[in-house]
N, C-alpha and C. Protein backbone atom coordinates (compact mmCIF):
# COMPACT_ATOMS: atom_id res chain seq x y z
N MET A 1 223.35 -78.02 79.20
CA MET A 1 224.22 -77.14 78.44
C MET A 1 223.66 -76.98 77.03
N GLN A 2 223.70 -75.77 76.54
CA GLN A 2 223.17 -75.46 75.22
C GLN A 2 224.31 -74.95 74.33
N THR A 3 224.40 -75.50 73.13
CA THR A 3 225.40 -75.06 72.16
C THR A 3 224.68 -74.35 71.02
N VAL A 4 225.14 -73.15 70.68
CA VAL A 4 224.52 -72.36 69.62
C VAL A 4 225.57 -72.06 68.55
N LEU A 5 225.23 -72.35 67.31
CA LEU A 5 226.09 -72.03 66.17
C LEU A 5 225.33 -71.08 65.26
N ARG A 6 226.00 -70.03 64.82
CA ARG A 6 225.38 -69.06 63.90
C ARG A 6 226.22 -68.99 62.63
N SER A 7 225.54 -68.82 61.51
CA SER A 7 226.22 -68.72 60.22
C SER A 7 225.59 -67.57 59.44
N ASP A 8 226.43 -66.75 58.85
CA ASP A 8 225.92 -65.63 58.05
C ASP A 8 225.49 -66.13 56.68
N PRO A 9 224.24 -65.87 56.30
CA PRO A 9 223.80 -66.25 54.95
C PRO A 9 224.36 -65.27 53.93
N PRO A 10 224.39 -65.67 52.67
CA PRO A 10 224.84 -64.73 51.64
C PRO A 10 223.83 -63.60 51.45
N ASP A 11 224.28 -62.51 50.91
CA ASP A 11 223.39 -61.42 50.54
C ASP A 11 222.49 -61.92 49.42
N PRO A 12 221.16 -61.70 49.50
CA PRO A 12 220.27 -62.18 48.44
C PRO A 12 220.68 -61.73 47.04
N ALA A 13 221.31 -60.57 46.93
CA ALA A 13 221.74 -60.08 45.61
C ALA A 13 222.88 -60.91 45.03
N ASP A 14 223.59 -61.63 45.90
CA ASP A 14 224.73 -62.45 45.45
C ASP A 14 224.36 -63.90 45.18
N VAL A 15 223.12 -64.27 45.42
CA VAL A 15 222.69 -65.67 45.26
C VAL A 15 222.41 -65.95 43.78
N PRO A 16 222.92 -67.07 43.26
CA PRO A 16 222.64 -67.41 41.86
C PRO A 16 221.16 -67.72 41.64
N ALA A 17 220.76 -67.76 40.40
CA ALA A 17 219.36 -68.00 40.05
C ALA A 17 218.84 -69.33 40.58
N THR A 18 219.73 -70.28 40.85
CA THR A 18 219.30 -71.58 41.39
C THR A 18 218.91 -71.50 42.85
N GLY A 19 219.22 -70.38 43.52
CA GLY A 19 218.84 -70.20 44.92
C GLY A 19 219.89 -70.71 45.89
N TRP A 20 219.56 -70.59 47.17
CA TRP A 20 220.46 -71.02 48.24
C TRP A 20 219.62 -71.38 49.45
N ALA A 21 220.05 -72.36 50.22
CA ALA A 21 219.40 -72.71 51.48
C ALA A 21 220.45 -73.22 52.44
N GLY A 22 220.31 -72.86 53.70
CA GLY A 22 221.24 -73.34 54.71
C GLY A 22 220.82 -72.93 56.10
N ALA A 23 221.41 -73.59 57.09
CA ALA A 23 221.12 -73.27 58.49
C ALA A 23 221.82 -71.97 58.86
N ILE A 24 221.05 -71.02 59.41
CA ILE A 24 221.67 -69.77 59.87
C ILE A 24 221.82 -69.77 61.38
N VAL A 25 221.03 -70.58 62.08
CA VAL A 25 221.16 -70.77 63.52
C VAL A 25 220.92 -72.24 63.82
N THR A 26 221.81 -72.83 64.61
CA THR A 26 221.64 -74.21 65.08
C THR A 26 221.83 -74.20 66.58
N VAL A 27 220.92 -74.85 67.30
CA VAL A 27 221.04 -74.96 68.76
C VAL A 27 220.90 -76.43 69.13
N VAL A 28 221.78 -76.88 70.02
CA VAL A 28 221.76 -78.27 70.47
C VAL A 28 221.72 -78.27 71.99
N THR A 29 220.76 -78.98 72.54
CA THR A 29 220.65 -79.18 73.98
C THR A 29 220.43 -80.67 74.21
N GLY A 30 221.41 -81.34 74.74
CA GLY A 30 221.28 -82.78 74.97
C GLY A 30 220.99 -83.52 73.68
N LYS A 31 219.86 -84.23 73.65
CA LYS A 31 219.48 -85.03 72.48
C LYS A 31 218.62 -84.26 71.48
N VAL A 32 218.39 -82.97 71.72
CA VAL A 32 217.49 -82.18 70.87
C VAL A 32 218.28 -81.14 70.10
N MET A 33 217.97 -81.03 68.80
CA MET A 33 218.61 -80.05 67.93
C MET A 33 217.55 -79.24 67.20
N GLY A 34 217.74 -77.94 67.15
CA GLY A 34 216.85 -77.07 66.39
C GLY A 34 217.66 -76.22 65.43
N GLU A 35 217.07 -75.92 64.29
CA GLU A 35 217.74 -75.09 63.29
C GLU A 35 216.76 -74.10 62.70
N ILE A 36 217.26 -72.95 62.33
CA ILE A 36 216.51 -72.04 61.48
C ILE A 36 217.15 -72.14 60.11
N ILE A 37 216.37 -72.58 59.15
CA ILE A 37 216.83 -72.75 57.78
C ILE A 37 216.37 -71.54 56.97
N ARG A 38 217.31 -70.85 56.35
CA ARG A 38 216.98 -69.73 55.47
C ARG A 38 217.10 -70.19 54.03
N SER A 39 216.05 -69.93 53.26
CA SER A 39 216.06 -70.20 51.82
C SER A 39 215.97 -68.87 51.10
N ILE A 40 216.82 -68.70 50.10
CA ILE A 40 216.80 -67.50 49.26
C ILE A 40 216.50 -67.97 47.84
N PHE A 41 215.38 -67.50 47.33
CA PHE A 41 214.91 -67.93 46.02
C PHE A 41 215.26 -66.91 44.95
N ASP A 42 215.06 -67.29 43.70
CA ASP A 42 215.26 -66.40 42.57
C ASP A 42 214.49 -65.11 42.82
N GLY A 43 215.10 -64.00 42.55
CA GLY A 43 214.45 -62.71 42.78
C GLY A 43 214.71 -62.16 44.18
N GLY A 44 215.50 -62.87 44.98
CA GLY A 44 215.84 -62.38 46.31
C GLY A 44 214.80 -62.63 47.38
N ILE A 45 213.80 -63.45 47.10
CA ILE A 45 212.77 -63.76 48.10
C ILE A 45 213.41 -64.63 49.19
N VAL A 46 213.21 -64.22 50.46
CA VAL A 46 213.81 -64.91 51.60
C VAL A 46 212.72 -65.56 52.44
N GLN A 47 212.94 -66.82 52.83
CA GLN A 47 212.00 -67.54 53.69
C GLN A 47 212.79 -68.22 54.80
N ASP A 48 212.33 -68.05 56.05
CA ASP A 48 212.95 -68.70 57.20
C ASP A 48 211.97 -69.69 57.79
N GLU A 49 212.46 -70.87 58.19
CA GLU A 49 211.60 -71.85 58.84
C GLU A 49 212.41 -72.60 59.88
N ALA A 50 211.72 -73.11 60.89
CA ALA A 50 212.37 -73.82 61.98
C ALA A 50 212.23 -75.32 61.80
N HIS A 51 213.30 -76.04 62.14
CA HIS A 51 213.30 -77.50 62.15
C HIS A 51 213.79 -77.93 63.52
N ILE A 52 213.10 -78.87 64.16
CA ILE A 52 213.50 -79.39 65.46
C ILE A 52 213.45 -80.91 65.40
N ALA A 53 214.46 -81.55 65.98
CA ALA A 53 214.49 -83.02 65.98
C ALA A 53 215.06 -83.53 67.30
N ILE A 54 214.56 -84.68 67.72
CA ILE A 54 215.11 -85.40 68.87
C ILE A 54 215.95 -86.53 68.32
N ASP A 55 217.18 -86.68 68.83
CA ASP A 55 218.06 -87.75 68.39
C ASP A 55 217.34 -89.09 68.46
N GLY A 56 217.40 -89.82 67.36
CA GLY A 56 216.72 -91.11 67.29
C GLY A 56 215.45 -91.06 66.48
N HIS A 57 214.96 -89.86 66.18
CA HIS A 57 213.78 -89.70 65.33
C HIS A 57 214.27 -89.17 63.99
N GLY A 58 213.87 -89.82 62.91
CA GLY A 58 214.41 -89.49 61.60
C GLY A 58 213.74 -88.34 60.88
N ARG A 59 212.67 -87.78 61.45
CA ARG A 59 211.95 -86.72 60.74
C ARG A 59 211.76 -85.52 61.65
N PRO A 60 211.58 -84.33 61.07
CA PRO A 60 211.29 -83.15 61.90
C PRO A 60 210.02 -83.37 62.72
N LEU A 61 209.92 -82.70 63.84
CA LEU A 61 208.79 -82.90 64.75
C LEU A 61 207.45 -82.55 64.13
N ALA A 62 207.44 -81.68 63.15
CA ALA A 62 206.17 -81.32 62.51
C ALA A 62 205.51 -82.54 61.87
N ASP A 63 206.30 -83.55 61.57
CA ASP A 63 205.78 -84.73 60.87
C ASP A 63 205.51 -85.91 61.78
N VAL A 64 205.83 -85.81 63.07
CA VAL A 64 205.71 -86.98 63.94
C VAL A 64 205.07 -86.62 65.27
N THR A 65 204.56 -87.62 65.92
CA THR A 65 204.11 -87.50 67.30
C THR A 65 205.18 -88.15 68.16
N ILE A 66 205.64 -87.43 69.14
CA ILE A 66 206.69 -87.96 70.01
C ILE A 66 206.05 -88.61 71.22
N GLN A 67 206.40 -89.84 71.46
CA GLN A 67 205.99 -90.55 72.67
C GLN A 67 207.27 -90.97 73.38
N THR A 68 207.44 -90.49 74.59
CA THR A 68 208.66 -90.81 75.33
C THR A 68 208.38 -90.79 76.82
N ASP A 69 209.14 -91.56 77.55
CA ASP A 69 209.10 -91.48 79.01
C ASP A 69 210.37 -90.82 79.54
N ASP A 70 211.12 -90.20 78.63
CA ASP A 70 212.38 -89.54 78.97
C ASP A 70 212.10 -88.08 79.33
N ALA A 71 211.95 -87.81 80.61
CA ALA A 71 211.63 -86.46 81.07
C ALA A 71 212.71 -85.46 80.66
N GLN A 72 213.96 -85.88 80.69
CA GLN A 72 215.06 -84.98 80.32
C GLN A 72 214.96 -84.56 78.86
N ALA A 73 214.62 -85.50 77.98
CA ALA A 73 214.46 -85.17 76.56
C ALA A 73 213.35 -84.16 76.36
N LEU A 74 212.27 -84.26 77.13
CA LEU A 74 211.18 -83.29 77.01
C LEU A 74 211.61 -81.91 77.50
N CYS A 75 212.40 -81.86 78.56
CA CYS A 75 212.94 -80.58 79.03
C CYS A 75 213.85 -79.96 77.98
N GLU A 76 214.68 -80.79 77.36
CA GLU A 76 215.57 -80.31 76.30
C GLU A 76 214.77 -79.83 75.10
N LEU A 77 213.69 -80.54 74.76
CA LEU A 77 212.82 -80.15 73.66
C LEU A 77 212.22 -78.77 73.91
N SER A 78 211.73 -78.55 75.12
CA SER A 78 211.11 -77.25 75.42
C SER A 78 212.14 -76.12 75.37
N ALA A 79 213.36 -76.38 75.84
CA ALA A 79 214.40 -75.35 75.80
C ALA A 79 214.77 -75.00 74.36
N VAL A 80 214.93 -76.01 73.52
CA VAL A 80 215.28 -75.76 72.12
C VAL A 80 214.13 -75.08 71.40
N ALA A 81 212.90 -75.53 71.63
CA ALA A 81 211.74 -74.92 70.97
C ALA A 81 211.61 -73.45 71.34
N ALA A 82 211.79 -73.12 72.61
CA ALA A 82 211.70 -71.72 73.03
C ALA A 82 212.80 -70.88 72.40
N PHE A 83 214.02 -71.40 72.36
CA PHE A 83 215.14 -70.68 71.76
C PHE A 83 214.88 -70.42 70.28
N VAL A 84 214.49 -71.47 69.55
CA VAL A 84 214.24 -71.34 68.11
C VAL A 84 213.08 -70.38 67.84
N ALA A 85 212.04 -70.43 68.66
CA ALA A 85 210.90 -69.52 68.49
C ALA A 85 211.33 -68.07 68.65
N ASN A 86 212.14 -67.78 69.65
CA ASN A 86 212.63 -66.42 69.86
C ASN A 86 213.52 -65.96 68.70
N GLU A 87 214.39 -66.84 68.23
CA GLU A 87 215.25 -66.49 67.09
C GLU A 87 214.42 -66.22 65.83
N LEU A 88 213.44 -67.07 65.58
CA LEU A 88 212.60 -66.90 64.39
C LEU A 88 211.80 -65.61 64.47
N ALA A 89 211.26 -65.30 65.65
CA ALA A 89 210.50 -64.06 65.83
C ALA A 89 211.38 -62.83 65.61
N ALA A 90 212.64 -62.91 66.00
CA ALA A 90 213.56 -61.79 65.83
C ALA A 90 213.88 -61.53 64.36
N LEU A 91 213.74 -62.55 63.51
CA LEU A 91 214.01 -62.40 62.08
C LEU A 91 212.86 -61.72 61.34
N LYS A 92 211.70 -61.67 61.93
CA LYS A 92 210.51 -61.12 61.26
C LYS A 92 210.50 -59.61 61.32
């Protein structure tokens, strides 16, 4: 089962000079969670990036090598990664 949460970011014109960052899409499948984080910087510059984590690992996957014998966690990882990749591509 996959749970998807969406949040509307503020309009870049309404963001204070200090900027804003937050999750605009979160997907959870089993022990795996993925998010698209939108950052809005001074001047209205928008940047989107993906973060994926497996429960029990304290850092995003970009920073770690995952070693597991949990086949289900790997299936969940692939489902979340594919979902986040499609969402990120749609934002471009």
